Amino acid sequence: MSRIGKMPIKLPQGVTLTVKPDNSVAVKGPKGELTQVVDPDIKVEINDGEVVINRPTEQKRHKSMHGLYRSLINNMVHGVSEGYKIEMEVVGVGYKAEAKGQVLELSLGYSHDIHFEVPQEVKLETKTERRSNPIITLTSSDKQLIGQVAAKIRSFREPEPYKGKGIKFVGEVLRKKAGKSATAK
């Protein structure tokens, strides 16, 4: 049996989970509402404030979906109760990040500024203090969406391995490479 799939999901206070007849799961909580369509073979049951996911057979396909849907539903429960937060740091001389509503304006050393519109489900904040790198903060209840937005922002200027310039996650450790050294003659 799947180690992840067989673990029950505890529903926190204020979070409700409903399974609809079309086999979609809706989770509602203080931070919002999320839905996920579940494969018809996988059964989602609610017992005494715990959600249990069951599979019909030991087929490889059912085993893989068992753990997948348990993780997706657990991420939804965590998202609507506590939410997710990603902080990114813009490293580089002259690099800037500024939030204007739901539009992120980035100045990353290219010939033009980048204007990136963030989806309404994701809350965007930027913080710039003197003598420190700008910080971009993303908060949302949807783990998949916030991760996708963060990956897109990072793709505008990924950290390079020699000086570490670019957009990186706060706390991320970059492996630096040694530059070329002069040869002695």
N, C-alpha and C. Protein backbone atom coordinates (compact mmCIF):
# COMPACT_ATOMS: atom_id res chain seq x y z
N MET A 1 0.84 -1.18 0.00
CA MET A 1 0.00 0.00 0.00
C MET A 1 0.89 1.25 0.00
N SER A 2 0.40 2.31 -0.62
CA SER A 2 1.15 3.56 -0.70
C SER A 2 1.31 4.15 0.70
N ARG A 3 2.56 4.46 1.07
CA ARG A 3 2.80 5.03 2.40
C ARG A 3 2.13 6.39 2.54
N ILE A 4 2.22 7.18 1.49
CA ILE A 4 1.60 8.51 1.54
C ILE A 4 0.09 8.39 1.42
N GLY A 5 -0.38 7.55 0.51
CA GLY A 5 -1.81 7.43 0.25
C GLY A 5 -2.62 6.93 1.42
N LYS A 6 -2.05 6.08 2.25
CA LYS A 6 -2.83 5.51 3.35
C LYS A 6 -2.90 6.40 4.58
N MET A 7 -2.11 7.48 4.63
CA MET A 7 -2.17 8.38 5.78
C MET A 7 -3.45 9.22 5.72
N PRO A 8 -4.20 9.30 6.82
CA PRO A 8 -5.40 10.14 6.80
C PRO A 8 -5.02 11.62 6.88
N ILE A 9 -5.92 12.47 6.38
CA ILE A 9 -5.71 13.91 6.41
C ILE A 9 -6.64 14.48 7.49
N LYS A 10 -6.08 15.15 8.48
CA LYS A 10 -6.89 15.77 9.53
C LYS A 10 -7.41 17.11 9.02
N LEU A 11 -8.70 17.35 9.23
CA LEU A 11 -9.29 18.62 8.83
C LEU A 11 -9.19 19.60 9.99
N PRO A 12 -8.49 20.73 9.81
CA PRO A 12 -8.39 21.72 10.88
C PRO A 12 -9.73 22.39 11.16
N GLN A 13 -9.78 23.12 12.27
CA GLN A 13 -11.00 23.84 12.65
C GLN A 13 -11.33 24.88 11.56
N GLY A 14 -12.57 24.93 11.13
CA GLY A 14 -13.00 25.92 10.15
C GLY A 14 -12.83 25.50 8.70
N VAL A 15 -12.36 24.28 8.45
CA VAL A 15 -12.17 23.79 7.08
C VAL A 15 -13.22 22.71 6.81
N THR A 16 -13.94 22.87 5.69
CA THR A 16 -14.93 21.87 5.31
C THR A 16 -14.53 21.26 3.97
N LEU A 17 -14.74 19.95 3.85
CA LEU A 17 -14.41 19.23 2.62
C LEU A 17 -15.67 18.51 2.16
N THR A 18 -16.02 18.70 0.90
CA THR A 18 -17.18 18.01 0.34
C THR A 18 -16.78 17.26 -0.92
N VAL A 19 -17.32 16.05 -1.06
CA VAL A 19 -17.09 15.24 -2.25
C VAL A 19 -18.37 15.29 -3.07
N LYS A 20 -18.26 15.81 -4.29
CA LYS A 20 -19.43 15.96 -5.16
C LYS A 20 -19.65 14.69 -5.97
N PRO A 21 -20.86 14.47 -6.50
CA PRO A 21 -21.16 13.24 -7.26
C PRO A 21 -20.27 13.04 -8.49
N ASP A 22 -19.77 14.13 -9.10
CA ASP A 22 -18.90 13.99 -10.27
C ASP A 22 -17.46 13.69 -9.86
N ASN A 23 -17.28 13.27 -8.61
CA ASN A 23 -15.98 12.88 -8.04
C ASN A 23 -14.99 14.04 -8.01
N SER A 24 -15.49 15.24 -7.72
CA SER A 24 -14.60 16.37 -7.48
C SER A 24 -14.66 16.71 -6.00
N VAL A 25 -13.53 17.17 -5.48
CA VAL A 25 -13.41 17.49 -4.06
C VAL A 25 -13.31 19.00 -3.93
N ALA A 26 -14.16 19.58 -3.07
CA ALA A 26 -14.13 21.02 -2.81
C ALA A 26 -13.74 21.23 -1.36
N VAL A 27 -12.73 22.07 -1.15
CA VAL A 27 -12.25 22.37 0.20
C VAL A 27 -12.46 23.86 0.43
N LYS A 28 -13.11 24.20 1.55
CA LYS A 28 -13.41 25.59 1.86
C LYS A 28 -12.86 25.90 3.24
N GLY A 29 -12.20 27.06 3.35
CA GLY A 29 -11.62 27.45 4.63
C GLY A 29 -11.51 28.96 4.72
N PRO A 30 -10.84 29.45 5.78
CA PRO A 30 -10.73 30.90 5.98
C PRO A 30 -9.92 31.61 4.90
N LYS A 31 -9.01 30.94 4.22
CA LYS A 31 -8.17 31.58 3.20
C LYS A 31 -8.72 31.46 1.79
N GLY A 32 -9.85 30.75 1.60
CA GLY A 32 -10.42 30.63 0.27
C GLY A 32 -11.04 29.27 0.02
N GLU A 33 -11.29 29.00 -1.26
CA GLU A 33 -11.92 27.75 -1.65
C GLU A 33 -11.19 27.18 -2.86
N LEU A 34 -10.92 25.86 -2.83
CA LEU A 34 -10.22 25.18 -3.92
C LEU A 34 -10.99 23.92 -4.30
N THR A 35 -10.92 23.54 -5.58
CA THR A 35 -11.54 22.30 -6.03
C THR A 35 -10.53 21.48 -6.83
N GLN A 36 -10.72 20.17 -6.81
CA GLN A 36 -9.85 19.25 -7.53
C GLN A 36 -10.68 18.07 -8.02
N VAL A 37 -10.58 17.76 -9.30
CA VAL A 37 -11.27 16.60 -9.85
C VAL A 37 -10.42 15.37 -9.57
N VAL A 38 -11.05 14.34 -9.00
CA VAL A 38 -10.35 13.10 -8.64
C VAL A 38 -10.77 12.01 -9.62
N ASP A 39 -9.82 11.14 -9.97
CA ASP A 39 -10.10 10.02 -10.87
C ASP A 39 -11.27 9.20 -10.31
N PRO A 40 -12.18 8.71 -11.17
CA PRO A 40 -13.35 7.98 -10.68
C PRO A 40 -13.01 6.69 -9.92
N ASP A 41 -11.84 6.09 -10.17
CA ASP A 41 -11.46 4.87 -9.46
C ASP A 41 -11.11 5.12 -7.99
N ILE A 42 -10.61 6.30 -7.68
CA ILE A 42 -10.17 6.63 -6.32
C ILE A 42 -11.36 7.13 -5.52
N LYS A 43 -11.55 6.58 -4.31
CA LYS A 43 -12.66 6.96 -3.45
C LYS A 43 -12.16 7.83 -2.30
N VAL A 44 -12.85 8.95 -2.09
CA VAL A 44 -12.52 9.87 -1.01
C VAL A 44 -13.64 9.79 0.02
N GLU A 45 -13.28 9.47 1.28
CA GLU A 45 -14.27 9.33 2.35
C GLU A 45 -13.91 10.23 3.51
N ILE A 46 -14.94 10.75 4.19
CA ILE A 46 -14.73 11.60 5.36
C ILE A 46 -15.25 10.85 6.58
N ASN A 47 -14.36 10.61 7.56
CA ASN A 47 -14.72 9.90 8.79
C ASN A 47 -14.21 10.66 10.01
N ASP A 48 -15.09 11.17 10.84
CA ASP A 48 -14.74 11.83 12.11
C ASP A 48 -13.68 12.91 11.95
N GLY A 49 -13.87 13.83 11.02
CA GLY A 49 -12.93 14.92 10.83
C GLY A 49 -11.63 14.53 10.16
N GLU A 50 -11.58 13.32 9.60
CA GLU A 50 -10.40 12.87 8.87
C GLU A 50 -10.83 12.45 7.46
N VAL A 51 -9.98 12.73 6.49
CA VAL A 51 -10.23 12.34 5.11
C VAL A 51 -9.36 11.14 4.79
N VAL A 52 -9.97 10.09 4.25
CA VAL A 52 -9.25 8.87 3.90
C VAL A 52 -9.43 8.63 2.40
N ILE A 53 -8.33 8.33 1.72
CA ILE A 53 -8.37 8.04 0.29
C ILE A 53 -8.13 6.55 0.10
N ASN A 54 -9.02 5.90 -0.67
CA ASN A 54 -8.91 4.46 -0.91
C ASN A 54 -8.80 4.18 -2.40
N ARG A 55 -8.10 3.08 -2.74
CA ARG A 55 -7.98 2.66 -4.13
C ARG A 55 -8.58 1.27 -4.27
N PRO A 56 -9.09 0.92 -5.47
CA PRO A 56 -9.78 -0.36 -5.63
C PRO A 56 -8.86 -1.56 -5.76
N THR A 57 -7.71 -1.43 -6.45
CA THR A 57 -6.85 -2.58 -6.71
C THR A 57 -5.40 -2.22 -6.44
N GLU A 58 -4.53 -3.18 -6.66
CA GLU A 58 -3.09 -2.99 -6.49
C GLU A 58 -2.38 -2.72 -7.81
N GLN A 59 -3.12 -2.30 -8.84
CA GLN A 59 -2.50 -1.96 -10.12
C GLN A 59 -1.55 -0.79 -9.93
N LYS A 60 -0.53 -0.75 -10.77
CA LYS A 60 0.47 0.32 -10.68
C LYS A 60 -0.18 1.69 -10.87
N ARG A 61 -1.14 1.78 -11.79
CA ARG A 61 -1.83 3.05 -12.03
C ARG A 61 -2.60 3.50 -10.80
N HIS A 62 -3.29 2.59 -10.14
CA HIS A 62 -4.05 2.93 -8.94
C HIS A 62 -3.13 3.30 -7.78
N LYS A 63 -2.01 2.61 -7.67
CA LYS A 63 -1.04 2.93 -6.60
C LYS A 63 -0.50 4.34 -6.77
N SER A 64 -0.15 4.71 -8.01
CA SER A 64 0.43 6.04 -8.23
C SER A 64 -0.62 7.14 -8.00
N MET A 65 -1.85 6.90 -8.41
CA MET A 65 -2.89 7.91 -8.21
C MET A 65 -3.28 8.04 -6.74
N HIS A 66 -3.15 6.96 -5.98
CA HIS A 66 -3.50 6.96 -4.56
C HIS A 66 -2.69 8.02 -3.81
N GLY A 67 -1.37 7.97 -3.96
CA GLY A 67 -0.51 8.94 -3.29
C GLY A 67 -0.64 10.34 -3.87
N LEU A 68 -0.84 10.42 -5.19
CA LEU A 68 -0.98 11.72 -5.85
C LEU A 68 -2.18 12.49 -5.31
N TYR A 69 -3.36 11.86 -5.31
CA TYR A 69 -4.55 12.57 -4.89
C TYR A 69 -4.55 12.86 -3.39
N ARG A 70 -3.93 12.00 -2.60
CA ARG A 70 -3.80 12.29 -1.17
C ARG A 70 -2.96 13.55 -0.98
N SER A 71 -1.85 13.68 -1.72
CA SER A 71 -0.99 14.86 -1.61
C SER A 71 -1.71 16.11 -2.10
N LEU A 72 -2.43 16.01 -3.21
CA LEU A 72 -3.15 17.17 -3.74
C LEU A 72 -4.22 17.66 -2.76
N ILE A 73 -4.98 16.73 -2.17
CA ILE A 73 -6.02 17.11 -1.22
C ILE A 73 -5.39 17.68 0.05
N ASN A 74 -4.28 17.10 0.50
CA ASN A 74 -3.60 17.62 1.68
C ASN A 74 -3.09 19.04 1.43
N ASN A 75 -2.54 19.29 0.23
CA ASN A 75 -2.08 20.64 -0.12
C ASN A 75 -3.23 21.63 -0.14
N MET A 76 -4.40 21.19 -0.61
CA MET A 76 -5.57 22.06 -0.63
C MET A 76 -6.02 22.39 0.79
N VAL A 77 -6.06 21.40 1.68
CA VAL A 77 -6.47 21.62 3.07
C VAL A 77 -5.50 22.58 3.76
N HIS A 78 -4.20 22.38 3.56
CA HIS A 78 -3.19 23.27 4.15
C HIS A 78 -3.31 24.67 3.57
N GLY A 79 -3.58 24.78 2.28
CA GLY A 79 -3.68 26.08 1.62
C GLY A 79 -4.84 26.92 2.11
N VAL A 80 -6.02 26.31 2.26
CA VAL A 80 -7.18 27.09 2.69
C VAL A 80 -7.16 27.37 4.19
N SER A 81 -6.36 26.63 4.96
CA SER A 81 -6.29 26.89 6.40
C SER A 81 -5.14 27.83 6.76
N GLU A 82 -3.94 27.59 6.22
CA GLU A 82 -2.78 28.41 6.57
C GLU A 82 -2.25 29.22 5.40
N GLY A 83 -2.33 28.71 4.18
CA GLY A 83 -1.84 29.40 3.01
C GLY A 83 -0.38 29.11 2.76
N TYR A 84 0.11 29.55 1.61
CA TYR A 84 1.50 29.34 1.22
C TYR A 84 2.15 30.70 0.97
N LYS A 85 3.45 30.77 1.24
CA LYS A 85 4.19 32.02 1.07
C LYS A 85 5.55 31.70 0.47
N ILE A 86 5.92 32.42 -0.59
CA ILE A 86 7.23 32.26 -1.23
C ILE A 86 7.89 33.63 -1.28
N GLU A 87 9.13 33.69 -0.80
CA GLU A 87 9.90 34.92 -0.85
C GLU A 87 11.06 34.74 -1.82
N MET A 88 11.26 35.74 -2.68
CA MET A 88 12.33 35.70 -3.67
C MET A 88 13.17 36.96 -3.53
N GLU A 89 14.46 36.80 -3.77
CA GLU A 89 15.41 37.89 -3.61
C GLU A 89 16.00 38.23 -4.98
N VAL A 90 16.05 39.53 -5.29
CA VAL A 90 16.62 39.99 -6.56
C VAL A 90 18.04 40.47 -6.27
N VAL A 91 19.05 39.70 -6.75
CA VAL A 91 20.45 39.98 -6.44
C VAL A 91 21.13 40.54 -7.69
N GLY A 92 21.75 41.70 -7.56
CA GLY A 92 22.49 42.29 -8.67
C GLY A 92 22.50 43.80 -8.57
N VAL A 93 23.58 44.42 -8.99
CA VAL A 93 23.71 45.87 -8.94
C VAL A 93 22.74 46.48 -9.96
N GLY A 94 21.88 47.38 -9.49
CA GLY A 94 20.93 48.03 -10.36
C GLY A 94 19.67 47.24 -10.64
N TYR A 95 19.56 46.03 -10.13
CA TYR A 95 18.35 45.23 -10.33
C TYR A 95 17.27 45.75 -9.39
N LYS A 96 16.05 45.90 -9.91
CA LYS A 96 14.95 46.45 -9.11
C LYS A 96 13.70 45.61 -9.31
N ALA A 97 12.84 45.60 -8.29
CA ALA A 97 11.54 44.96 -8.37
C ALA A 97 10.53 45.87 -7.69
N GLU A 98 9.40 46.10 -8.37
CA GLU A 98 8.38 46.99 -7.82
C GLU A 98 7.01 46.44 -8.17
N ALA A 99 6.11 46.44 -7.19
CA ALA A 99 4.74 45.96 -7.41
C ALA A 99 3.82 47.16 -7.60
N LYS A 100 3.06 47.13 -8.69
CA LYS A 100 2.04 48.15 -8.94
C LYS A 100 0.73 47.41 -9.13
N GLY A 101 0.02 47.23 -8.04
CA GLY A 101 -1.21 46.42 -8.07
C GLY A 101 -0.83 44.97 -8.26
N GLN A 102 -1.36 44.34 -9.32
CA GLN A 102 -1.04 42.94 -9.62
C GLN A 102 0.01 42.83 -10.71
N VAL A 103 0.70 43.94 -11.02
CA VAL A 103 1.75 43.92 -12.04
C VAL A 103 3.10 44.07 -11.36
N LEU A 104 4.01 43.16 -11.65
CA LEU A 104 5.37 43.20 -11.11
C LEU A 104 6.28 43.79 -12.17
N GLU A 105 6.94 44.90 -11.82
CA GLU A 105 7.88 45.54 -12.73
C GLU A 105 9.29 45.18 -12.31
N LEU A 106 10.02 44.56 -13.21
CA LEU A 106 11.38 44.11 -12.93
C LEU A 106 12.37 44.82 -13.84
N SER A 107 13.46 45.32 -13.26
CA SER A 107 14.56 45.88 -14.01
C SER A 107 15.75 44.97 -13.74
N LEU A 108 16.11 44.14 -14.74
CA LEU A 108 17.09 43.07 -14.53
C LEU A 108 18.30 43.17 -15.44
N GLY A 109 18.64 44.37 -15.87
CA GLY A 109 19.82 44.54 -16.69
C GLY A 109 19.61 44.33 -18.17
N TYR A 110 18.37 44.09 -18.59
CA TYR A 110 18.07 43.98 -20.01
C TYR A 110 17.85 45.39 -20.57
N SER A 111 17.69 45.51 -21.87
CA SER A 111 17.48 46.82 -22.50
C SER A 111 16.10 47.39 -22.18
N HIS A 112 15.19 46.57 -21.66
CA HIS A 112 13.84 47.01 -21.33
C HIS A 112 13.43 46.42 -19.99
N ASP A 113 12.46 47.07 -19.35
CA ASP A 113 11.92 46.53 -18.10
C ASP A 113 10.92 45.42 -18.43
N ILE A 114 10.74 44.51 -17.48
CA ILE A 114 9.80 43.41 -17.65
C ILE A 114 8.57 43.71 -16.80
N HIS A 115 7.39 43.65 -17.42
CA HIS A 115 6.13 43.85 -16.72
C HIS A 115 5.41 42.50 -16.71
N PHE A 116 5.23 41.93 -15.52
CA PHE A 116 4.62 40.60 -15.39
C PHE A 116 3.35 40.73 -14.57
N GLU A 117 2.21 40.33 -15.15
CA GLU A 117 0.94 40.39 -14.44
C GLU A 117 0.73 39.10 -13.66
N VAL A 118 0.53 39.24 -12.37
CA VAL A 118 0.35 38.10 -11.46
C VAL A 118 -1.15 37.79 -11.39
N PRO A 119 -1.55 36.51 -11.37
CA PRO A 119 -2.97 36.16 -11.27
C PRO A 119 -3.61 36.73 -9.99
N GLN A 120 -4.93 36.94 -10.05
CA GLN A 120 -5.66 37.54 -8.92
C GLN A 120 -5.60 36.67 -7.66
N GLU A 121 -5.44 35.35 -7.80
CA GLU A 121 -5.42 34.45 -6.65
C GLU A 121 -4.13 34.58 -5.83
N VAL A 122 -3.11 35.20 -6.42
CA VAL A 122 -1.81 35.35 -5.76
C VAL A 122 -1.65 36.80 -5.32
N LYS A 123 -1.32 37.00 -4.04
CA LYS A 123 -1.09 38.35 -3.51
C LYS A 123 0.39 38.67 -3.67
N LEU A 124 0.68 39.85 -4.21
CA LEU A 124 2.05 40.25 -4.53
C LEU A 124 2.47 41.43 -3.67
N GLU A 125 3.67 41.34 -3.09
CA GLU A 125 4.25 42.44 -2.32
C GLU A 125 5.73 42.52 -2.65
N THR A 126 6.27 43.73 -2.66
CA THR A 126 7.71 43.90 -2.82
C THR A 126 8.20 44.80 -1.70
N LYS A 127 9.44 44.55 -1.29
CA LYS A 127 10.04 45.35 -0.22
C LYS A 127 11.46 45.68 -0.64
N THR A 128 11.77 46.98 -0.66
CA THR A 128 13.11 47.42 -1.02
C THR A 128 13.62 48.33 0.09
N GLU A 129 14.71 47.93 0.71
CA GLU A 129 15.34 48.75 1.75
C GLU A 129 16.72 49.15 1.26
N ARG A 130 17.22 50.23 1.82
CA ARG A 130 18.55 50.68 1.43
C ARG A 130 19.59 49.65 1.80
N ARG A 131 20.56 49.48 0.94
CA ARG A 131 21.70 48.58 1.15
C ARG A 131 21.29 47.11 1.31
N SER A 132 20.14 46.73 0.75
CA SER A 132 19.75 45.32 0.75
C SER A 132 19.05 45.02 -0.57
N ASN A 133 18.99 43.77 -0.89
CA ASN A 133 18.37 43.35 -2.14
C ASN A 133 16.85 43.44 -2.05
N PRO A 134 16.18 43.77 -3.16
CA PRO A 134 14.71 43.78 -3.16
C PRO A 134 14.16 42.37 -2.91
N ILE A 135 13.07 42.30 -2.15
CA ILE A 135 12.42 41.03 -1.83
C ILE A 135 11.03 41.02 -2.45
N ILE A 136 10.70 39.95 -3.19
CA ILE A 136 9.37 39.76 -3.76
C ILE A 136 8.68 38.70 -2.91
N THR A 137 7.48 39.01 -2.38
CA THR A 137 6.74 38.07 -1.55
C THR A 137 5.44 37.70 -2.25
N LEU A 138 5.22 36.40 -2.43
CA LEU A 138 4.00 35.88 -3.04
C LEU A 138 3.25 35.08 -1.98
N THR A 139 1.95 35.31 -1.82
CA THR A 139 1.13 34.52 -0.90
C THR A 139 -0.14 34.08 -1.63
N SER A 140 -0.54 32.84 -1.37
CA SER A 140 -1.73 32.28 -2.00
C SER A 140 -2.17 31.03 -1.25
N SER A 141 -3.39 30.58 -1.54
CA SER A 141 -3.86 29.33 -0.95
C SER A 141 -3.63 28.15 -1.89
N ASP A 142 -3.29 28.42 -3.14
CA ASP A 142 -3.09 27.38 -4.16
C ASP A 142 -1.60 27.12 -4.34
N LYS A 143 -1.11 25.98 -3.87
CA LYS A 143 0.32 25.65 -3.92
C LYS A 143 0.83 25.53 -5.35
N GLN A 144 0.05 24.91 -6.21
CA GLN A 144 0.48 24.73 -7.60
C GLN A 144 0.61 26.06 -8.31
N LEU A 145 -0.37 26.94 -8.13
CA LEU A 145 -0.35 28.23 -8.82
C LEU A 145 0.78 29.12 -8.33
N ILE A 146 0.99 29.19 -7.02
CA ILE A 146 2.05 30.04 -6.48
C ILE A 146 3.42 29.53 -6.90
N GLY A 147 3.59 28.22 -6.98
CA GLY A 147 4.85 27.65 -7.45
C GLY A 147 5.11 27.95 -8.91
N GLN A 148 4.06 27.91 -9.71
CA GLN A 148 4.19 28.20 -11.13
C GLN A 148 4.54 29.67 -11.36
N VAL A 149 3.91 30.58 -10.60
CA VAL A 149 4.19 32.00 -10.72
C VAL A 149 5.63 32.29 -10.29
N ALA A 150 6.07 31.67 -9.18
CA ALA A 150 7.44 31.87 -8.70
C ALA A 150 8.45 31.36 -9.71
N ALA A 151 8.18 30.23 -10.34
CA ALA A 151 9.10 29.68 -11.34
C ALA A 151 9.18 30.60 -12.56
N LYS A 152 8.06 31.19 -12.95
CA LYS A 152 8.05 32.10 -14.08
C LYS A 152 8.85 33.36 -13.78
N ILE A 153 8.68 33.91 -12.58
CA ILE A 153 9.43 35.11 -12.18
C ILE A 153 10.92 34.80 -12.15
N ARG A 154 11.28 33.65 -11.60
CA ARG A 154 12.69 33.25 -11.53
C ARG A 154 13.29 33.07 -12.92
N SER A 155 12.47 32.62 -13.89
CA SER A 155 12.98 32.36 -15.24
C SER A 155 13.39 33.64 -15.98
N PHE A 156 12.95 34.80 -15.51
CA PHE A 156 13.34 36.05 -16.18
C PHE A 156 14.84 36.30 -16.05
N ARG A 157 15.45 35.91 -14.93
CA ARG A 157 16.91 36.03 -14.75
C ARG A 157 17.30 35.03 -13.67
N GLU A 158 17.63 33.81 -14.09
CA GLU A 158 18.03 32.79 -13.13
C GLU A 158 19.40 33.13 -12.57
N PRO A 159 19.69 32.73 -11.32
CA PRO A 159 20.99 33.05 -10.73
C PRO A 159 22.12 32.40 -11.52
N GLU A 160 23.13 33.19 -11.83
CA GLU A 160 24.26 32.63 -12.57
C GLU A 160 25.31 32.13 -11.57
N PRO A 161 26.10 31.13 -11.94
CA PRO A 161 26.96 30.44 -10.98
C PRO A 161 28.25 31.16 -10.60
N TYR A 162 28.59 32.27 -11.24
CA TYR A 162 29.88 32.91 -10.96
C TYR A 162 29.76 34.03 -9.92
N LYS A 163 28.79 34.92 -10.09
CA LYS A 163 28.61 35.99 -9.11
C LYS A 163 27.33 35.83 -8.30
N GLY A 164 26.43 34.97 -8.74
CA GLY A 164 25.18 34.75 -8.02
C GLY A 164 24.10 35.77 -8.35
N LYS A 165 24.29 36.55 -9.42
CA LYS A 165 23.31 37.56 -9.80
C LYS A 165 22.08 36.90 -10.40
N GLY A 166 20.91 37.45 -10.09
CA GLY A 166 19.66 36.94 -10.64
C GLY A 166 18.58 36.91 -9.58
N ILE A 167 17.50 36.19 -9.85
CA ILE A 167 16.39 36.07 -8.91
C ILE A 167 16.48 34.69 -8.27
N LYS A 168 16.61 34.67 -6.94
CA LYS A 168 16.71 33.40 -6.22
C LYS A 168 15.71 33.39 -5.07
N PHE A 169 15.42 32.21 -4.56
CA PHE A 169 14.54 32.09 -3.41
C PHE A 169 15.32 32.48 -2.16
N VAL A 170 14.63 33.09 -1.19
CA VAL A 170 15.29 33.47 0.06
C VAL A 170 15.70 32.20 0.79
N GLY A 171 16.96 32.13 1.18
CA GLY A 171 17.48 30.95 1.87
C GLY A 171 18.07 29.92 0.93
N GLU A 172 17.96 30.11 -0.37
CA GLU A 172 18.51 29.16 -1.34
C GLU A 172 20.03 29.30 -1.37
N VAL A 173 20.72 28.19 -1.33
CA VAL A 173 22.18 28.19 -1.38
C VAL A 173 22.59 27.85 -2.80
N LEU A 174 23.34 28.76 -3.41
CA LEU A 174 23.79 28.55 -4.78
C LEU A 174 25.20 27.98 -4.79
N ARG A 175 25.45 27.04 -5.68
CA ARG A 175 26.80 26.50 -5.83
C ARG A 175 27.56 27.43 -6.75
N LYS A 176 28.59 28.05 -6.21
CA LYS A 176 29.37 29.00 -7.00
C LYS A 176 30.52 28.27 -7.69
N LYS A 177 30.84 28.73 -8.89
CA LYS A 177 31.96 28.19 -9.63
C LYS A 177 33.15 29.15 -9.52
N ALA A 178 34.32 28.61 -9.59
CA ALA A 178 35.52 29.46 -9.59
C ALA A 178 35.66 30.06 -10.98
N GLY A 179 36.04 31.31 -11.02
CA GLY A 179 36.26 31.97 -12.30
C GLY A 179 37.57 31.50 -12.89
N LYS A 180 37.88 31.97 -14.09
CA LYS A 180 39.15 31.54 -14.68
C LYS A 180 40.30 32.26 -13.98
N SER A 181 41.37 31.55 -13.77
CA SER A 181 42.50 32.16 -13.06
C SER A 181 43.65 32.39 -14.05
N ALA A 182 44.45 33.38 -13.73
CA ALA A 182 45.58 33.69 -14.60
C ALA A 182 46.66 32.62 -14.45
N THR A 183 47.28 32.26 -15.55
CA THR A 183 48.34 31.24 -15.49
C THR A 183 49.68 31.94 -15.28
N ALA A 184 50.50 31.32 -14.45
CA ALA A 184 51.83 31.89 -14.17
C ALA A 184 52.82 31.41 -15.24
N LYS A 185 53.61 32.32 -15.78
CA LYS A 185 54.61 31.95 -16.80
C LYS A 185 56.00 32.14 -16.29
